[in-house]
């Protein structure tokens, strides 16, 4: 699977240690098309009967279709990775993929210099059906250019096809022959809750929250947290700060007066 080949580090992303972007695109060398049949019967041998087609599940609700076009080329999946916390990471990644010069921007140049990529490429190689390439982000454009055009050394493989209904040649559905994942992430800064009890009474607080992380497969893991001083009586003047990580959510703060207890 593409997910396993790219090794997206969901844990590091959720902890804010890394920023990663996954990109998928096709480079089509050529298309092979089928001429529209003048009659549906031309797709069947003379020995094929109506009953045989019905036995295979062909009916008005499930009409037969044919592959009218196949695209040959290569499918590219990219994972771009960096440990930079800059807000310009997206711009740096876009420049690396497009080949745009960033020589006039020191920050973008440093991000690209200290970032990496991993590419999973289906097709485009006479030797390997699937290529897995790791490298520095600055070398990415050269990798994408190599094998971008059709020749003897870079043959295409079927990467997509179009189907049409046999009865009227109308478009049925367009399919890709492989799956891909899209990873999105949001960066949140850490925060804190400040408690300042200065009233002339005994107070108690109950503060809780959830912390969200992800396992290596991208599954969400939620841990419920409670403040260690929950439900303990506090006299004025009491102050405290509770620090919350950027992945905290469902934050609940409850305060009550307990004078006379």
Protein backbone atom coordinates (compact mmCIF):
# COMPACT_ATOMS: atom_id res chain seq x y z
CA UNK A 1 0.00 0.00 0.00
CA UNK A 2 1.10 3.56 -0.68
CA UNK A 3 0.65 4.45 3.01
CA UNK A 4 3.18 1.81 4.08
CA UNK A 5 5.65 2.78 1.35
CA UNK A 6 5.59 6.47 2.24
CA UNK A 7 5.77 5.86 6.01
CA UNK A 8 3.84 8.98 6.97
CA UNK A 9 4.82 9.85 10.56
CA UNK A 10 1.42 10.69 12.05
CA UNK A 11 2.81 10.70 15.58
CA UNK A 12 5.50 13.30 14.86
CA UNK A 13 2.99 15.42 12.93
CA UNK A 14 0.47 15.43 15.78
CA UNK A 15 3.21 16.33 18.28
CA UNK A 16 4.33 19.25 16.13
CA UNK A 17 7.80 17.78 15.57
CA UNK A 18 7.42 17.54 11.80
CA UNK A 19 5.43 18.92 8.91
CA UNK A 20 4.64 16.55 6.06
CA UNK A 21 2.71 16.89 2.83
CA UNK A 22 1.54 14.08 0.54
CA UNK A 23 1.04 14.84 -3.14
CA UNK A 24 -0.35 12.60 -5.88
CA UNK A 25 -0.26 13.27 -9.60
CA UNK A 26 -0.15 11.50 -12.97
CA UNK A 27 2.18 11.97 -15.90
CA UNK A 28 0.33 10.61 -18.94
CA UNK A 29 2.43 9.55 -21.92
CA UNK A 30 -0.38 8.54 -24.27
CA UNK A 31 -3.96 7.24 -24.44
CA UNK A 32 -5.33 4.19 -26.23
CA UNK A 33 -8.95 4.64 -27.33
CA UNK A 34 -11.56 2.24 -28.68
CA UNK A 35 -13.83 3.24 -31.54
CA UNK A 36 -17.47 3.41 -30.50
CA UNK A 37 -19.33 0.26 -31.55
CA UNK A 38 -22.11 0.77 -34.07
CA UNK A 39 -24.07 -2.04 -32.41
CA UNK A 40 -23.65 -3.56 -28.89
CA UNK A 41 -23.68 -7.04 -30.40
CA UNK A 42 -20.29 -6.42 -32.00
CA UNK A 43 -18.67 -6.89 -28.58
CA UNK A 44 -19.99 -10.44 -28.21
CA UNK A 45 -19.19 -13.65 -30.00
CA UNK A 46 -21.91 -15.34 -32.03
CA UNK A 47 -22.18 -18.13 -29.47
CA UNK A 48 -23.03 -15.78 -26.57
CA UNK A 49 -26.72 -15.91 -25.64
CA UNK A 50 -29.01 -13.54 -23.77
CA UNK A 51 -29.49 -16.15 -21.05
CA UNK A 52 -25.73 -16.39 -20.47
CA UNK A 53 -25.48 -12.64 -19.96
CA UNK A 54 -28.43 -12.64 -17.57
CA UNK A 55 -26.79 -15.45 -15.59
CA UNK A 56 -23.77 -13.15 -15.15
CA UNK A 57 -26.00 -10.46 -13.64
CA UNK A 58 -26.51 -8.29 -16.72
CA UNK A 59 -29.90 -6.57 -16.67
CA UNK A 60 -31.50 -3.12 -16.90
CA UNK A 61 -30.12 -2.12 -13.48
CA UNK A 62 -26.66 -3.53 -14.26
CA UNK A 63 -26.04 -2.80 -17.94
CA UNK A 64 -22.79 -3.98 -19.55
CA UNK A 65 -19.98 -1.49 -20.13
CA UNK A 66 -16.70 -1.53 -22.01
CA UNK A 67 -13.33 0.13 -21.49
CA UNK A 68 -13.23 2.92 -24.05
CA UNK A 69 -9.91 4.52 -23.14
CA UNK A 70 -6.76 3.62 -21.19
CA UNK A 71 -4.18 6.18 -20.09
CA UNK A 72 -0.56 5.00 -20.02
CA UNK A 73 2.11 6.80 -18.06
CA UNK A 74 3.26 6.90 -14.48
CA UNK A 75 1.58 7.63 -11.15
CA UNK A 76 3.67 9.56 -8.64
CA UNK A 77 3.10 9.78 -4.89
CA UNK A 78 5.31 12.18 -2.96
CA UNK A 79 5.86 12.68 0.75
CA UNK A 80 7.64 15.92 1.59
CA UNK A 81 9.02 16.16 5.14
CA UNK A 82 10.64 18.82 7.30
CA UNK A 83 11.17 19.55 10.97
CA UNK A 84 10.88 23.29 10.31
CA UNK A 85 8.13 25.16 12.16
CA UNK A 86 8.13 28.02 9.67
CA UNK A 87 4.86 29.28 8.21
CA UNK A 88 6.59 29.21 4.81
CA UNK A 89 6.87 25.42 4.63
CA UNK A 90 3.94 25.14 2.21
CA UNK A 91 5.52 27.73 -0.10
CA UNK A 92 8.87 25.91 0.06
CA UNK A 93 7.25 22.57 -0.80
CA UNK A 94 5.36 24.12 -3.73
CA UNK A 95 8.55 25.67 -5.07
CA UNK A 96 10.45 22.38 -4.81
CA UNK A 97 7.77 20.51 -6.77
CA UNK A 98 7.26 23.18 -9.44
CA UNK A 99 10.95 23.99 -9.85
CA UNK A 100 10.43 27.66 -8.99
CA UNK A 101 13.64 29.46 -8.01
CA UNK A 102 13.86 30.57 -4.36
CA UNK A 103 17.38 31.97 -4.52
CA UNK A 104 16.13 35.38 -3.38
CA UNK A 105 14.46 34.05 -0.24
CA UNK A 106 16.86 32.85 2.46
CA UNK A 107 14.13 31.23 4.58
CA UNK A 108 12.66 29.21 1.70
CA UNK A 109 16.15 28.17 0.62
CA UNK A 110 16.99 26.89 4.11
CA UNK A 111 13.69 25.00 4.41
CA UNK A 112 14.31 23.19 1.11
CA UNK A 113 17.94 22.51 2.01
CA UNK A 114 16.94 20.89 5.31
CA UNK A 115 13.90 18.95 4.06
CA UNK A 116 13.57 15.55 2.43
CA UNK A 117 11.24 13.66 0.13
CA UNK A 118 10.15 10.11 -0.52
CA UNK A 119 8.66 9.17 -3.87
CA UNK A 120 6.69 6.08 -4.84
CA UNK A 121 6.46 5.90 -8.64
CA UNK A 122 4.34 3.40 -10.57
CA UNK A 123 5.56 3.10 -14.16
CA UNK A 124 8.18 5.10 -15.98
CA UNK A 125 10.94 2.52 -15.60
CA UNK A 126 11.87 -0.34 -17.88
CA UNK A 127 13.54 -2.15 -14.96
CA UNK A 128 11.13 -1.77 -12.04
CA UNK A 129 7.35 -1.73 -11.91
CA UNK A 130 7.49 0.38 -8.74
CA UNK A 131 10.30 2.75 -7.79
CA UNK A 132 10.83 4.04 -4.26
CA UNK A 133 13.22 6.98 -4.10
CA UNK A 134 14.48 8.94 -1.08
CA UNK A 135 16.43 12.15 -1.26
CA UNK A 136 16.97 15.78 -0.36
CA UNK A 137 14.14 18.10 -1.34
CA UNK A 138 16.49 20.18 -3.45
CA UNK A 139 16.97 17.23 -5.82
CA UNK A 140 13.26 16.54 -6.25
CA UNK A 141 12.76 18.44 -9.49
CA UNK A 142 15.50 16.49 -11.27
CA UNK A 143 13.85 13.22 -10.17
CA UNK A 144 10.48 14.35 -11.54
CA UNK A 145 11.99 15.42 -14.87
CA UNK A 146 13.72 12.08 -15.30
CA UNK A 147 11.18 9.73 -16.80
CA UNK A 148 8.57 12.42 -17.40
CA UNK A 149 8.42 11.65 -21.14
CA UNK A 150 7.80 8.39 -22.98
CA UNK A 151 10.71 6.52 -24.54
CA UNK A 152 12.27 3.06 -24.54
CA UNK A 153 13.75 3.55 -21.07
CA UNK A 154 10.55 4.97 -19.57
CA UNK A 155 7.59 2.89 -20.78
CA UNK A 156 4.17 3.71 -19.43
CA UNK A 157 1.84 1.49 -17.45
CA UNK A 158 -1.98 1.67 -17.29
CA UNK A 159 -2.77 4.30 -14.66
CA UNK A 160 -6.40 5.14 -15.45
CA UNK A 161 -9.24 4.04 -17.68
CA UNK A 162 -12.62 5.26 -18.90
CA UNK A 163 -15.70 3.08 -19.26
CA UNK A 164 -18.81 3.61 -21.38
CA UNK A 165 -22.17 1.89 -21.33
CA UNK A 166 -22.52 -0.52 -24.20
CA UNK A 167 -26.17 0.32 -24.89
CA UNK A 168 -25.63 4.02 -25.72
CA UNK A 169 -21.88 4.70 -25.41
CA UNK A 170 -22.51 7.18 -22.58
CA UNK A 171 -19.76 7.70 -20.02
CA UNK A 172 -20.11 5.20 -17.16
CA UNK A 173 -17.31 5.94 -14.69
CA UNK A 174 -13.64 6.91 -14.57
CA UNK A 175 -11.40 4.75 -12.40
CA UNK A 176 -7.82 4.83 -11.18
CA UNK A 177 -6.07 1.51 -10.76
CA UNK A 178 -4.43 2.45 -7.46
CA UNK A 179 -5.36 4.09 -4.19
CA UNK A 180 -3.77 7.10 -2.57
CA UNK A 181 -3.94 8.86 0.77
CA UNK A 182 -4.23 12.53 1.51
CA UNK A 183 -2.81 13.78 4.75
CA UNK A 184 -3.75 17.09 6.27
CA UNK A 185 -2.53 18.54 9.52
CA UNK A 186 -3.17 21.63 11.61
CA UNK A 187 -0.61 23.18 13.92
CA UNK A 188 -1.81 24.49 17.28
CA UNK A 189 0.37 26.32 19.79
CA UNK A 190 0.45 25.27 23.44
CA UNK A 191 -1.68 27.24 25.88
CA UNK A 192 -2.43 27.58 29.56
CA UNK A 193 -5.25 28.21 32.01
CA UNK A 194 -4.51 30.81 34.70
CA UNK A 195 -6.40 30.49 38.00
CA UNK A 196 -6.55 33.57 40.24
CA UNK A 197 -8.77 33.10 43.31
CA UNK A 198 -8.89 36.29 45.40
CA UNK A 199 -12.41 36.10 46.85
CA UNK A 200 -13.19 35.88 50.55
CA UNK A 201 -14.36 32.28 50.42
CA UNK A 202 -13.16 28.70 50.00
CA UNK A 203 -13.15 27.61 46.36
CA UNK A 204 -12.78 24.32 44.55
CA UNK A 205 -11.95 23.75 40.90
CA UNK A 206 -12.42 20.84 38.52
CA UNK A 207 -10.49 21.06 35.26
CA UNK A 208 -10.25 18.34 32.61
CA UNK A 209 -9.37 17.98 28.93
CA UNK A 210 -8.60 15.44 26.21
CA UNK A 211 -5.24 15.08 24.47
CA UNK A 212 -5.35 13.75 20.92
CA UNK A 213 -2.50 11.77 19.33
CA UNK A 214 -2.19 9.34 16.43
CA UNK A 215 -0.60 5.93 16.10
CA UNK A 216 1.73 5.08 13.17
CA UNK A 217 -1.28 4.01 11.09
CA UNK A 218 -3.02 7.35 11.56
CA UNK A 219 -5.65 6.12 14.02
CA UNK A 220 -6.76 8.70 16.58
CA UNK A 221 -5.83 8.08 20.23
CA UNK A 222 -7.64 10.17 22.86
CA UNK A 223 -6.36 10.40 26.45
CA UNK A 224 -8.52 12.06 29.10
CA UNK A 225 -6.58 14.27 31.53
CA UNK A 226 -7.47 15.81 34.91
CA UNK A 227 -5.78 18.56 36.91
CA UNK A 228 -3.99 17.12 39.94
CA UNK A 229 -5.63 19.71 42.26
CA UNK A 230 -9.21 18.93 41.25
CA UNK A 231 -11.81 19.25 44.05
CA UNK A 232 -9.26 20.46 46.63
CA UNK A 233 -10.25 23.46 48.76
CA UNK A 234 -8.31 26.64 47.99
CA UNK A 235 -8.16 29.78 50.14
CA UNK A 236 -7.56 33.26 48.82
CA UNK A 237 -5.18 34.38 47.50
CA UNK A 238 -4.56 31.27 45.32
CA UNK A 239 -2.98 31.33 41.86
CA UNK A 240 -1.91 28.57 39.53
CA UNK A 241 -1.21 27.97 35.84
CA UNK A 242 -2.19 24.78 34.04
CA UNK A 243 -0.25 24.24 30.84
CA UNK A 244 -2.07 22.53 27.97
CA UNK A 245 -0.42 21.06 24.86
CA UNK A 246 -1.49 22.13 21.40
CA UNK A 247 -3.37 18.86 20.89
CA UNK A 248 -5.73 19.49 23.84
CA UNK A 249 -9.46 19.71 23.19
CA UNK A 250 -12.78 19.36 25.03
CA UNK A 251 -11.42 21.61 27.79
CA UNK A 252 -13.75 21.91 30.79
CA UNK A 253 -13.30 24.33 33.71
CA UNK A 254 -15.69 24.18 36.69
CA UNK A 255 -15.40 26.36 39.80
CA UNK A 256 -17.59 26.40 42.92
CA UNK A 257 -17.82 28.15 46.28
CA UNK A 258 -17.36 25.78 49.22
CA UNK A 259 -17.52 28.12 52.24
CA UNK A 260 -18.97 26.34 55.26
CA UNK A 261 -18.02 22.82 54.15
